Amino acid sequence: MTAAHPGFVRWINEEWGGDELFAAAMCLDELAEACGGPYGEWGTLSEEDQSLLLQHFSALQPDKISLRAVAFEYQECVGDGNLHKFARRLRDEPVPAFELAPVWWRRKQENRVSTHRYTYTVELLLDDYDRLITLAGVLVEEMRDAAEHEHLLDLRMIHRELERGRDRAVPAMTGHNRWEFFVILTAEHMDLLRANAGEHVRSGRETADFRAYWRDVDKALRSARSIPFS
């Protein structure tokens, strides 16, 4: 992952403490996972193609906070099953990296990149958390054809992290069949999740039972403890 231009050197120095190998390892880890990991599509690529894609992805110069989201968007733009084809394209022609992460690139140009990420501890009944994952997925599907790709990408990132948080759950000390779920989100993503919950609470279109469910979720999200994630 070598590029001699000043912007690349500044990125390595400012974001990764001058350690290019560390930057490459972190970028590789997130890109590979976003592309299916060693047992998915990424694992079917040759080392040459993996290196080529990593170098192209690194040209985006993502920061630590946004790295996972940038890798996710990059894979989304390439598309499932298209890694081999895209690697061949890169060998034949230059492709501006920003075309594979337009949301990230626009936010970066407009100085709207998230600067803080937290581990939020959300306490809910197990069934209620599972329902939250399902409803977040339904919302993503309903917005799939929406023109506002930036908003959709944020919701997909939230849905993915809610699924990850399910695997980290532990029984809550308060008991009553409640569990603690640890989700790692930017402050902006948590604000968006809370806003969606609050909208359901205030909605006059929902049934009483559904509004009651969202009141519990809204309360859990707003009282979630947070610590900076490093």
Protein backbone atom coordinates (compact mmCIF):
# COMPACT_ATOMS: atom_id res chain seq x y z
CA MET A 1 0.00 0.00 0.00
CA THR A 2 2.54 2.55 -1.15
CA ALA A 3 1.79 5.98 -2.55
CA ALA A 4 4.36 8.77 -2.48
CA HIS A 5 2.12 11.81 -2.94
CA PRO A 6 2.01 14.31 -0.05
CA GLY A 7 -1.65 13.70 0.78
CA PHE A 8 -1.03 10.01 1.34
CA VAL A 9 2.01 10.67 3.53
CA ARG A 10 0.03 13.19 5.58
CA TRP A 11 -2.78 10.66 6.03
CA ILE A 12 -0.34 8.01 7.27
CA ASN A 13 1.31 10.45 9.65
CA GLU A 14 -1.80 12.14 11.04
CA GLU A 15 -4.20 9.20 11.17
CA TRP A 16 -1.89 6.24 11.75
CA GLY A 17 1.06 7.73 13.61
CA GLY A 18 3.35 7.32 10.63
CA ASP A 19 2.91 3.52 10.61
CA GLU A 20 2.02 2.51 7.05
CA LEU A 21 1.93 -1.20 7.94
CA PHE A 22 -0.61 -0.53 10.69
CA ALA A 23 -2.73 1.51 8.27
CA ALA A 24 -2.58 -1.28 5.70
CA ALA A 25 -3.53 -3.92 8.29
CA MET A 26 -6.52 -1.92 9.54
CA CYS A 27 -7.75 -1.13 6.03
CA LEU A 28 -7.29 -4.74 4.96
CA ASP A 29 -9.17 -6.05 7.98
CA GLU A 30 -12.24 -3.87 7.39
CA LEU A 31 -12.23 -4.21 3.59
CA ALA A 32 -11.89 -8.00 3.74
CA GLU A 33 -14.72 -8.28 6.28
CA ALA A 34 -16.99 -6.01 4.25
CA CYS A 35 -16.30 -8.19 1.20
CA GLY A 36 -17.20 -11.47 2.85
CA GLY A 37 -14.05 -12.36 4.75
CA PRO A 38 -11.71 -15.32 4.15
CA TYR A 39 -14.62 -17.74 3.65
CA GLY A 40 -16.62 -15.40 1.44
CA GLU A 41 -16.00 -13.58 -1.81
CA TRP A 42 -12.81 -11.92 -0.55
CA GLY A 43 -11.29 -15.32 0.11
CA THR A 44 -11.75 -16.35 -3.52
CA LEU A 45 -9.49 -13.55 -4.78
CA SER A 46 -5.83 -14.03 -5.61
CA GLU A 47 -3.29 -12.22 -3.43
CA GLU A 48 -2.57 -9.97 -6.39
CA ASP A 49 -6.22 -8.94 -6.69
CA GLN A 50 -6.53 -8.45 -2.93
CA SER A 51 -3.48 -6.19 -2.96
CA LEU A 52 -4.83 -4.24 -5.92
CA LEU A 53 -8.20 -3.66 -4.24
CA LEU A 54 -6.54 -2.71 -0.96
CA GLN A 55 -4.37 -0.13 -2.70
CA HIS A 56 -7.40 1.32 -4.50
CA PHE A 57 -9.46 1.42 -1.30
CA SER A 58 -6.63 3.07 0.63
CA ALA A 59 -6.61 5.94 -1.85
CA LEU A 60 -9.81 7.07 -0.09
CA GLN A 61 -7.68 7.75 3.02
CA PRO A 62 -10.40 6.84 5.54
CA ASP A 63 -9.96 7.82 9.17
CA LYS A 64 -10.23 5.30 12.02
CA ILE A 65 -13.74 6.37 13.00
CA SER A 66 -15.17 6.05 9.48
CA LEU A 67 -13.10 3.10 8.27
CA ARG A 68 -15.81 0.47 8.70
CA ALA A 69 -18.47 2.62 7.04
CA VAL A 70 -16.17 3.45 4.12
CA ALA A 71 -15.37 -0.24 3.58
CA PHE A 72 -19.08 -1.03 3.73
CA GLU A 73 -19.93 1.63 1.14
CA TYR A 74 -17.03 0.54 -1.09
CA GLN A 75 -18.33 -3.04 -1.15
CA GLU A 76 -21.87 -1.82 -1.76
CA CYS A 77 -20.72 0.12 -4.80
CA VAL A 78 -18.71 -2.81 -6.18
CA GLY A 79 -21.69 -5.11 -5.61
CA ASP A 80 -21.98 -8.70 -4.45
CA GLY A 81 -20.17 -11.13 -6.73
CA ASN A 82 -18.32 -8.41 -8.63
CA LEU A 83 -14.91 -8.32 -6.92
CA HIS A 84 -13.12 -10.39 -9.58
CA LYS A 85 -14.63 -8.32 -12.36
CA PHE A 86 -13.77 -5.05 -10.64
CA ALA A 87 -10.18 -6.14 -10.00
CA ARG A 88 -9.82 -6.89 -13.72
CA ARG A 89 -11.21 -3.46 -14.49
CA LEU A 90 -8.66 -1.82 -12.19
CA ARG A 91 -5.84 -3.57 -14.02
CA ASP A 92 -7.09 -2.22 -17.36
CA GLU A 93 -8.11 1.34 -16.52
CA PRO A 94 -7.83 3.95 -13.75
CA VAL A 95 -10.96 4.23 -11.63
CA PRO A 96 -11.18 7.18 -9.23
CA ALA A 97 -11.55 5.73 -5.75
CA PHE A 98 -14.14 8.33 -4.74
CA GLU A 99 -16.58 6.78 -7.23
CA LEU A 100 -16.71 3.73 -4.94
CA ALA A 101 -17.53 5.76 -1.81
CA PRO A 102 -19.50 8.84 -2.92
CA VAL A 103 -21.19 9.40 0.45
CA TRP A 104 -17.91 9.27 2.37
CA TRP A 105 -16.20 11.47 -0.18
CA ARG A 106 -18.94 14.11 -0.13
CA ARG A 107 -18.94 14.21 3.67
CA LYS A 108 -15.17 14.51 3.69
CA GLN A 109 -15.23 17.41 1.20
CA GLU A 110 -17.94 19.13 3.23
CA ASN A 111 -16.17 18.46 6.55
CA ARG A 112 -19.08 16.36 7.85
CA VAL A 113 -17.10 13.28 8.86
CA SER A 114 -17.90 11.72 12.24
CA THR A 115 -15.18 12.38 14.79
CA HIS A 116 -16.35 10.30 17.77
CA ARG A 117 -17.51 6.73 18.20
CA TYR A 118 -18.92 5.22 21.37
CA THR A 119 -19.89 1.89 22.87
CA TYR A 120 -23.52 2.28 23.91
CA THR A 121 -24.98 -0.10 26.49
CA VAL A 122 -28.65 -0.63 25.67
CA GLU A 123 -30.77 -2.60 28.16
CA LEU A 124 -33.82 -4.37 26.74
CA LEU A 125 -35.72 -7.62 26.82
CA LEU A 126 -34.13 -10.12 24.46
CA ASP A 127 -37.26 -10.37 22.32
CA ASP A 128 -37.57 -6.59 22.15
CA TYR A 129 -33.98 -6.22 20.93
CA ASP A 130 -34.50 -8.92 18.31
CA ARG A 131 -37.63 -7.10 17.20
CA LEU A 132 -35.61 -3.87 16.94
CA ILE A 133 -33.13 -5.60 14.62
CA THR A 134 -35.99 -6.88 12.46
CA LEU A 135 -37.73 -3.51 12.29
CA ALA A 136 -34.47 -1.74 11.41
CA GLY A 137 -34.04 -4.25 8.58
CA VAL A 138 -37.59 -3.62 7.38
CA LEU A 139 -36.92 0.12 7.35
CA VAL A 140 -33.80 -0.42 5.24
CA GLU A 141 -35.75 -2.52 2.75
CA GLU A 142 -38.51 0.08 2.54
CA MET A 143 -35.95 2.77 1.75
CA ARG A 144 -33.90 0.70 -0.69
CA ASP A 145 -35.14 2.67 -3.70
CA ALA A 146 -35.02 6.04 -1.94
CA ALA A 147 -33.16 8.83 -3.65
CA GLU A 148 -31.33 9.80 -0.44
CA HIS A 149 -28.53 7.23 -0.54
CA GLU A 150 -26.69 8.88 2.35
CA HIS A 151 -29.58 8.30 4.75
CA LEU A 152 -30.02 4.72 3.55
CA LEU A 153 -26.33 3.95 4.02
CA ASP A 154 -26.49 5.24 7.61
CA LEU A 155 -29.51 3.05 8.34
CA ARG A 156 -27.77 -0.01 6.88
CA MET A 157 -24.73 0.63 9.05
CA ILE A 158 -26.98 0.92 12.12
CA HIS A 159 -28.81 -2.29 11.24
CA ARG A 160 -25.52 -4.13 10.79
CA GLU A 161 -24.20 -2.93 14.16
CA LEU A 162 -27.43 -3.89 15.92
CA GLU A 163 -26.89 -7.42 14.59
CA ARG A 164 -23.31 -7.39 15.89
CA GLY A 165 -24.50 -6.16 19.26
CA ARG A 166 -26.75 -9.21 19.57
CA ASP A 167 -23.68 -11.44 19.75
CA ARG A 168 -22.17 -9.37 22.59
CA ALA A 169 -25.26 -9.48 24.82
CA VAL A 170 -24.99 -10.41 28.51
CA PRO A 171 -27.74 -10.72 31.14
CA ALA A 172 -28.42 -7.38 32.81
CA MET A 173 -27.73 -6.99 36.51
CA THR A 174 -31.27 -5.66 36.94
CA GLY A 175 -32.69 -9.07 36.01
CA HIS A 176 -36.30 -9.39 34.83
CA ASN A 177 -35.10 -11.21 31.70
CA ARG A 178 -33.42 -8.02 30.51
CA TRP A 179 -30.10 -8.05 28.67
CA GLU A 180 -27.34 -5.56 28.04
CA PHE A 181 -26.46 -5.05 24.38
CA PHE A 182 -23.23 -3.30 23.41
CA VAL A 183 -23.40 -1.43 20.12
CA ILE A 184 -20.55 0.61 18.67
CA LEU A 185 -21.90 3.65 16.84
CA THR A 186 -20.95 7.19 15.99
CA ALA A 187 -22.87 9.85 17.88
CA GLU A 188 -24.59 10.76 14.60
CA HIS A 189 -25.77 7.18 14.06
CA MET A 190 -27.10 6.95 17.61
CA ASP A 191 -28.95 10.25 17.12
CA LEU A 192 -30.53 8.83 13.96
CA LEU A 193 -31.58 5.62 15.73
CA ARG A 194 -33.10 7.63 18.59
CA ALA A 195 -34.89 9.92 16.14
CA ASN A 196 -36.51 6.95 14.41
CA ALA A 197 -37.66 5.49 17.74
CA GLY A 198 -39.06 8.84 18.84
CA GLU A 199 -40.93 9.22 15.56
CA HIS A 200 -42.71 5.90 16.16
CA VAL A 201 -43.60 6.93 19.72
CA ARG A 202 -45.23 10.13 18.46
CA SER A 203 -46.90 8.57 15.43
CA GLY A 204 -50.66 8.53 15.40
CA ARG A 205 -50.65 5.77 12.81
CA GLU A 206 -49.32 3.05 15.12
CA THR A 207 -51.40 0.76 17.34
CA ALA A 208 -51.28 1.29 21.09
CA ASP A 209 -49.23 -1.88 21.60
CA PHE A 210 -46.73 -0.86 18.95
CA ARG A 211 -46.36 2.63 20.42
CA ALA A 212 -45.84 1.06 23.85
CA TYR A 213 -43.08 -1.11 22.41
CA TRP A 214 -41.38 1.93 20.89
CA ARG A 215 -41.69 3.84 24.16
CA ASP A 216 -39.65 1.09 25.85
CA VAL A 217 -37.08 1.16 23.03
CA ASP A 218 -36.96 4.96 23.06
CA LYS A 219 -36.39 4.99 26.83
CA ALA A 220 -33.64 2.35 26.53
CA LEU A 221 -31.87 4.26 23.77
CA ARG A 222 -32.04 7.60 25.56
CA SER A 223 -30.78 6.14 28.84
CA ALA A 224 -28.03 4.07 27.19
CA ARG A 225 -24.67 4.46 28.90
CA SER A 226 -21.82 5.39 26.59
CA ILE A 227 -18.04 5.27 26.72
CA PRO A 228 -15.65 6.42 24.00
CA PHE A 229 -14.57 3.58 21.72
CA SER A 230 -10.86 3.68 20.90
